[in-house]
Amino acid sequence: MKQKPEPKTNNICILGTGRTGSTHLSFILNNFARFASFGELFERRGSWGLVRHVPATLVTLSAKNRNTDPAITAFAQARPRLFLDRVARICRWTGKPAMAFQVFNTQLPLATIDTEVLGRPGTRAMLISRRAIDSYVSMLKARTVSRWVHTDTTDVKVAIDAGAFAEWYGKQTERYEHWRTYHQTRGMALPVIRYEDDIAASVPHALSRFSALASQVGLDLKLSAEMKQTGLKRQDRNQNVRDKVSNWAETEKSLSRRGLDEAAFSHFA
């Protein structure tokens, strides 16, 4: 009996943590032709970004907003692989045979991500990363204003609890290491796209870098004739983390005592 050929890559699962430029990236990736880019489809508050490519006539709704439809959210959590199969099928019906989506933090158990998402035929992964301290401060700012997008947080200063940062950092490190090990043991490439080098520079540069990284896992992307998606405006114009934190001097000493002064300014990947 002949062995079935390896399915061609047609899905990119972006793994990582929030506040890494992932929302901006998810928007601008829609500049690729015949490609559907979603946000965090397994976010427990709603399948974020679903509305972009899934026509209302093709899904049964129990709420006005497809992003926060509790029935869809419950289905995504209970049957992740089947959910992705159906989303991919709808994308193909609408002329987009390839797609990207994101899975972050504790949206799904690691074992479920391994078997139901990464183990799904035709799916390959990419890590998204940003300096740890910048991701953390951005998260604190968003929580302070209770807004995650479309809000200028430049003038917002937050206080850092070094113990809370250490706990958060440990959890993120554990997850990134898990995904690296998953791919290494299977001999699979795991490209990394970074906020500072790849995403924040410019839209054309970010798209060029993503295309190059996607090719490493077997997905050939081409830009549409017209680039319509410019992404999101930068929420925080401050470049130096010291200008974003109200207790930076104390935080710096606390991180040093915990041996995290260098790690805080490094990437998870």
Protein backbone atom coordinates (compact mmCIF):
# COMPACT_ATOMS: atom_id res chain seq x y z
CA MET A 1 0.00 0.00 0.00
CA LYS A 2 1.46 3.36 -1.04
CA GLN A 3 2.12 5.87 1.68
CA LYS A 4 0.02 9.01 1.37
CA PRO A 5 2.05 12.12 0.48
CA GLU A 6 2.61 14.74 3.17
CA PRO A 7 -0.19 17.33 2.94
CA LYS A 8 0.90 20.64 1.50
CA THR A 9 1.14 23.40 4.09
CA ASN A 10 -1.90 25.63 3.87
CA ASN A 11 -2.29 26.83 7.46
CA ILE A 12 0.14 28.85 9.59
CA CYS A 13 -0.50 28.69 13.33
CA ILE A 14 1.18 31.63 15.08
CA LEU A 15 2.17 30.68 18.61
CA GLY A 16 3.28 32.98 21.39
CA THR A 17 1.97 35.49 23.86
CA GLY A 18 -0.06 38.66 23.52
CA ARG A 19 1.21 42.24 23.18
CA THR A 20 3.78 41.20 20.60
CA GLY A 21 2.37 43.07 17.60
CA SER A 22 0.23 40.08 16.73
CA THR A 23 -3.00 42.03 16.12
CA HIS A 24 -1.27 44.44 13.74
CA LEU A 25 0.34 41.47 11.99
CA SER A 26 -2.98 39.64 11.67
CA PHE A 27 -4.47 42.63 9.84
CA ILE A 28 -1.64 43.28 7.39
CA LEU A 29 -1.30 39.61 6.43
CA ASN A 30 -4.57 40.05 4.57
CA ASN A 31 -2.53 41.87 1.92
CA PHE A 32 -1.46 38.47 0.63
CA ALA A 33 -3.47 37.15 -2.30
CA ARG A 34 -5.84 34.22 -1.74
CA PHE A 35 -4.94 34.20 1.96
CA ALA A 36 -7.16 34.59 5.03
CA SER A 37 -5.56 35.99 8.18
CA PHE A 38 -7.47 35.66 11.45
CA GLY A 39 -6.69 36.73 14.99
CA GLU A 40 -6.96 34.57 18.10
CA LEU A 41 -9.60 32.08 17.01
CA PHE A 42 -9.46 30.27 20.37
CA GLU A 43 -9.75 33.32 22.61
CA ARG A 44 -12.21 32.32 25.34
CA ARG A 45 -14.08 35.63 25.13
CA GLY A 46 -14.77 35.00 21.45
CA SER A 47 -13.16 33.76 18.24
CA TRP A 48 -11.42 37.02 17.47
CA GLY A 49 -11.10 37.91 13.79
CA LEU A 50 -13.60 35.33 12.58
CA VAL A 51 -15.79 38.07 11.12
CA ARG A 52 -13.11 39.02 8.57
CA HIS A 53 -13.52 36.02 6.30
CA VAL A 54 -16.60 34.08 7.40
CA PRO A 55 -19.80 35.46 5.79
CA ALA A 56 -22.78 35.63 8.13
CA THR A 57 -24.81 33.54 5.70
CA LEU A 58 -22.47 30.58 6.18
CA VAL A 59 -22.68 30.23 9.96
CA THR A 60 -25.47 29.79 12.47
CA LEU A 61 -25.39 32.66 14.92
CA SER A 62 -26.68 32.93 18.46
CA ALA A 63 -25.39 36.47 18.84
CA LYS A 64 -25.15 39.53 16.62
CA ASN A 65 -21.34 39.59 16.74
CA ARG A 66 -19.68 36.55 15.18
CA ASN A 67 -16.49 37.35 17.11
CA THR A 68 -18.26 36.81 20.43
CA ASP A 69 -20.95 34.28 19.51
CA PRO A 70 -20.97 31.93 22.55
CA ALA A 71 -22.00 28.94 20.44
CA ILE A 72 -19.04 29.39 18.09
CA THR A 73 -16.66 29.99 20.98
CA ALA A 74 -17.85 26.84 22.76
CA PHE A 75 -17.50 24.80 19.56
CA ALA A 76 -13.96 26.09 18.99
CA GLN A 77 -12.96 25.12 22.54
CA ALA A 78 -14.59 21.69 22.45
CA ARG A 79 -13.62 20.62 18.92
CA PRO A 80 -10.58 22.67 17.84
CA ARG A 81 -9.61 20.50 14.87
CA LEU A 82 -13.14 20.30 13.49
CA PHE A 83 -13.58 24.02 14.04
CA LEU A 84 -10.42 24.74 12.02
CA ASP A 85 -11.53 22.30 9.32
CA ARG A 86 -14.80 24.18 8.91
CA VAL A 87 -13.16 27.61 8.94
CA ALA A 88 -10.67 26.41 6.33
CA ARG A 89 -13.48 25.00 4.19
CA ILE A 90 -15.33 28.32 4.24
CA CYS A 91 -12.10 30.10 3.29
CA ARG A 92 -11.65 27.80 0.31
CA TRP A 93 -15.26 28.45 -0.75
CA THR A 94 -14.46 32.17 -0.78
CA GLY A 95 -11.29 31.72 -2.85
CA LYS A 96 -8.70 31.68 -0.03
CA PRO A 97 -7.07 28.24 0.18
CA ALA A 98 -4.49 29.25 2.80
CA MET A 99 -4.92 30.91 6.19
CA ALA A 100 -3.14 32.05 9.34
CA PHE A 101 -4.48 32.14 12.90
CA GLN A 102 -3.07 32.61 16.39
CA VAL A 103 -3.07 30.57 19.59
CA PHE A 104 -1.78 32.31 22.73
CA ASN A 105 -1.28 31.81 26.43
CA THR A 106 -3.92 29.57 28.05
CA GLN A 107 -6.52 29.67 25.28
CA LEU A 108 -6.16 25.90 24.86
CA PRO A 109 -4.31 23.26 26.92
CA LEU A 110 -0.84 22.50 25.57
CA ALA A 111 -1.75 18.88 24.86
CA THR A 112 -4.78 20.03 22.85
CA ILE A 113 -2.67 22.46 20.85
CA ASP A 114 -0.20 19.64 20.11
CA THR A 115 -2.75 17.10 18.93
CA GLU A 116 -5.73 19.09 17.64
CA VAL A 117 -4.01 22.16 16.18
CA LEU A 118 -0.36 21.44 15.38
CA GLY A 119 -1.21 17.81 14.59
CA ARG A 120 -3.80 18.85 12.03
CA PRO A 121 -2.69 17.91 8.46
CA GLY A 122 -1.35 20.85 6.48
CA THR A 123 -0.71 22.99 9.57
CA ARG A 124 2.71 24.39 10.41
CA ALA A 125 3.70 26.84 13.11
CA MET A 126 5.60 30.07 13.61
CA LEU A 127 6.59 31.74 16.87
CA ILE A 128 5.98 35.44 17.48
CA SER A 129 8.20 37.19 20.00
CA ARG A 130 8.96 40.55 21.56
CA ARG A 131 11.27 41.62 24.36
CA ALA A 132 9.71 40.21 27.50
CA ILE A 133 9.60 43.43 29.50
CA ASP A 134 7.97 45.33 26.63
CA SER A 135 5.26 42.70 26.20
CA TYR A 136 4.59 42.74 29.93
CA VAL A 137 4.41 46.54 30.23
CA SER A 138 2.14 46.72 27.17
CA MET A 139 -0.15 44.16 28.81
CA LEU A 140 -0.28 46.19 32.05
CA LYS A 141 -1.11 49.35 30.11
CA ALA A 142 -3.92 47.64 28.21
CA ARG A 143 -5.38 46.31 31.44
CA THR A 144 -5.15 49.75 33.05
CA VAL A 145 -7.22 51.41 30.31
CA SER A 146 -9.33 48.27 29.67
CA ARG A 147 -8.65 48.60 25.96
CA TRP A 148 -6.45 46.34 23.83
CA VAL A 149 -6.53 48.22 20.50
CA HIS A 150 -7.30 51.69 19.09
CA THR A 151 -6.22 53.51 22.26
CA ASP A 152 -3.18 55.77 22.75
CA THR A 153 -1.43 54.64 25.93
CA THR A 154 1.66 56.86 25.58
CA ASP A 155 0.85 58.91 28.68
CA VAL A 156 -0.14 55.91 30.80
CA LYS A 157 2.45 54.81 33.34
CA VAL A 158 2.23 51.51 35.19
CA ALA A 159 3.89 50.06 38.27
CA ILE A 160 5.58 46.68 37.99
CA ASP A 161 5.49 44.04 40.70
CA ALA A 162 8.73 42.13 40.10
CA GLY A 163 7.29 38.98 41.65
CA ALA A 164 4.30 39.04 39.32
CA PHE A 165 6.61 39.63 36.35
CA ALA A 166 8.78 36.69 37.38
CA GLU A 167 5.75 34.41 37.55
CA TRP A 168 4.48 35.61 34.14
CA TYR A 169 7.95 35.27 32.62
CA GLY A 170 8.30 31.72 33.90
CA LYS A 171 4.99 30.64 32.37
CA GLN A 172 5.79 32.18 28.99
CA THR A 173 9.28 30.64 28.95
CA GLU A 174 7.81 27.23 29.68
CA ARG A 175 5.39 27.47 26.77
CA TYR A 176 7.93 28.70 24.25
CA GLU A 177 10.31 25.94 25.29
CA HIS A 178 7.53 23.38 24.94
CA TRP A 179 6.84 24.47 21.36
CA ARG A 180 10.54 24.45 20.46
CA THR A 181 10.91 20.94 21.85
CA TYR A 182 7.76 19.77 20.04
CA HIS A 183 9.19 20.82 16.71
CA GLN A 184 12.77 19.76 17.37
CA THR A 185 11.78 16.20 18.28
CA ARG A 186 9.83 15.96 15.01
CA GLY A 187 12.57 17.50 12.89
CA MET A 188 10.31 20.40 11.91
CA ALA A 189 11.33 24.00 11.29
CA LEU A 190 9.86 26.61 13.64
CA PRO A 191 10.50 30.11 12.27
CA VAL A 192 10.39 33.11 14.59
CA ILE A 193 8.97 36.51 13.69
CA ARG A 194 10.02 39.29 16.05
CA TYR A 195 8.27 42.52 16.82
CA GLU A 196 11.33 44.77 16.87
CA ASP A 197 13.09 43.41 13.78
CA ASP A 198 10.23 42.22 11.60
CA ILE A 199 6.86 43.72 12.52
CA ALA A 200 7.38 47.27 13.82
CA ALA A 201 9.58 48.58 10.99
CA SER A 202 7.05 48.99 8.15
CA VAL A 203 4.19 47.08 6.55
CA PRO A 204 6.16 46.11 3.40
CA HIS A 205 9.08 44.91 5.53
CA ALA A 206 6.82 42.88 7.83
CA LEU A 207 5.12 41.22 4.87
CA SER A 208 8.44 40.44 3.22
CA ARG A 209 9.76 38.85 6.41
CA PHE A 210 6.59 36.84 7.01
CA SER A 211 6.66 35.58 3.43
CA ALA A 212 10.28 34.49 3.78
CA LEU A 213 9.57 32.71 7.08
CA ALA A 214 6.43 31.05 5.72
CA SER A 215 8.45 29.63 2.83
CA GLN A 216 10.58 27.78 5.40
CA VAL A 217 7.53 25.70 6.30
CA GLY A 218 6.28 25.20 2.76
CA LEU A 219 3.86 28.07 2.17
CA ASP A 220 4.39 30.28 -0.88
CA LEU A 221 2.72 33.66 -0.46
CA LYS A 222 2.24 36.42 -3.00
CA LEU A 223 1.05 39.96 -2.41
CA SER A 224 -2.23 41.19 -3.79
CA ALA A 225 -2.07 43.73 -6.60
CA GLU A 226 -3.22 46.43 -4.18
CA MET A 227 -2.26 46.64 -0.51
CA LYS A 228 -5.40 47.70 1.37
CA GLN A 229 -4.51 46.70 4.93
CA THR A 230 -2.23 49.14 6.75
CA GLY A 231 -2.69 47.58 10.17
CA LEU A 232 -2.96 49.42 13.47
CA LYS A 233 -1.44 52.65 14.71
CA ARG A 234 1.21 52.29 17.39
CA GLN A 235 -0.51 52.56 20.76
CA ASP A 236 2.55 53.61 22.76
CA ARG A 237 4.98 56.11 21.22
CA ASN A 238 7.46 55.82 24.10
CA GLN A 239 10.53 53.91 22.99
CA ASN A 240 12.21 53.47 26.37
CA VAL A 241 10.61 51.16 28.93
CA ARG A 242 11.90 53.42 31.70
CA ASP A 243 9.50 56.10 30.50
CA LYS A 244 6.55 53.71 30.74
CA VAL A 245 7.02 52.47 34.32
CA SER A 246 6.37 54.64 37.37
CA ASN A 247 8.59 52.57 39.71
CA TRP A 248 11.37 51.67 37.29
CA ALA A 249 14.30 52.23 39.70
CA GLU A 250 12.73 49.86 42.24
CA THR A 251 11.77 47.37 39.51
CA GLU A 252 15.30 47.33 38.09
CA LYS A 253 16.77 46.46 41.49
CA SER A 254 14.13 43.78 42.13
CA LEU A 255 14.73 42.15 38.74
CA SER A 256 18.47 42.14 39.40
CA ARG A 257 17.99 40.44 42.78
CA ARG A 258 15.92 37.76 41.05
CA GLY A 259 18.50 37.27 38.31
CA LEU A 260 16.08 38.53 35.67
CA ASP A 261 17.72 41.82 34.70
CA GLU A 262 19.09 40.41 31.43
CA ALA A 263 16.24 38.00 30.76
CA ALA A 264 13.68 40.79 30.98
CA PHE A 265 15.28 42.49 27.98
CA SER A 266 15.60 39.31 25.93
CA HIS A 267 13.18 37.41 23.70
CA PHE A 268 11.41 34.15 24.48
CA ALA A 269 12.49 33.00 21.02
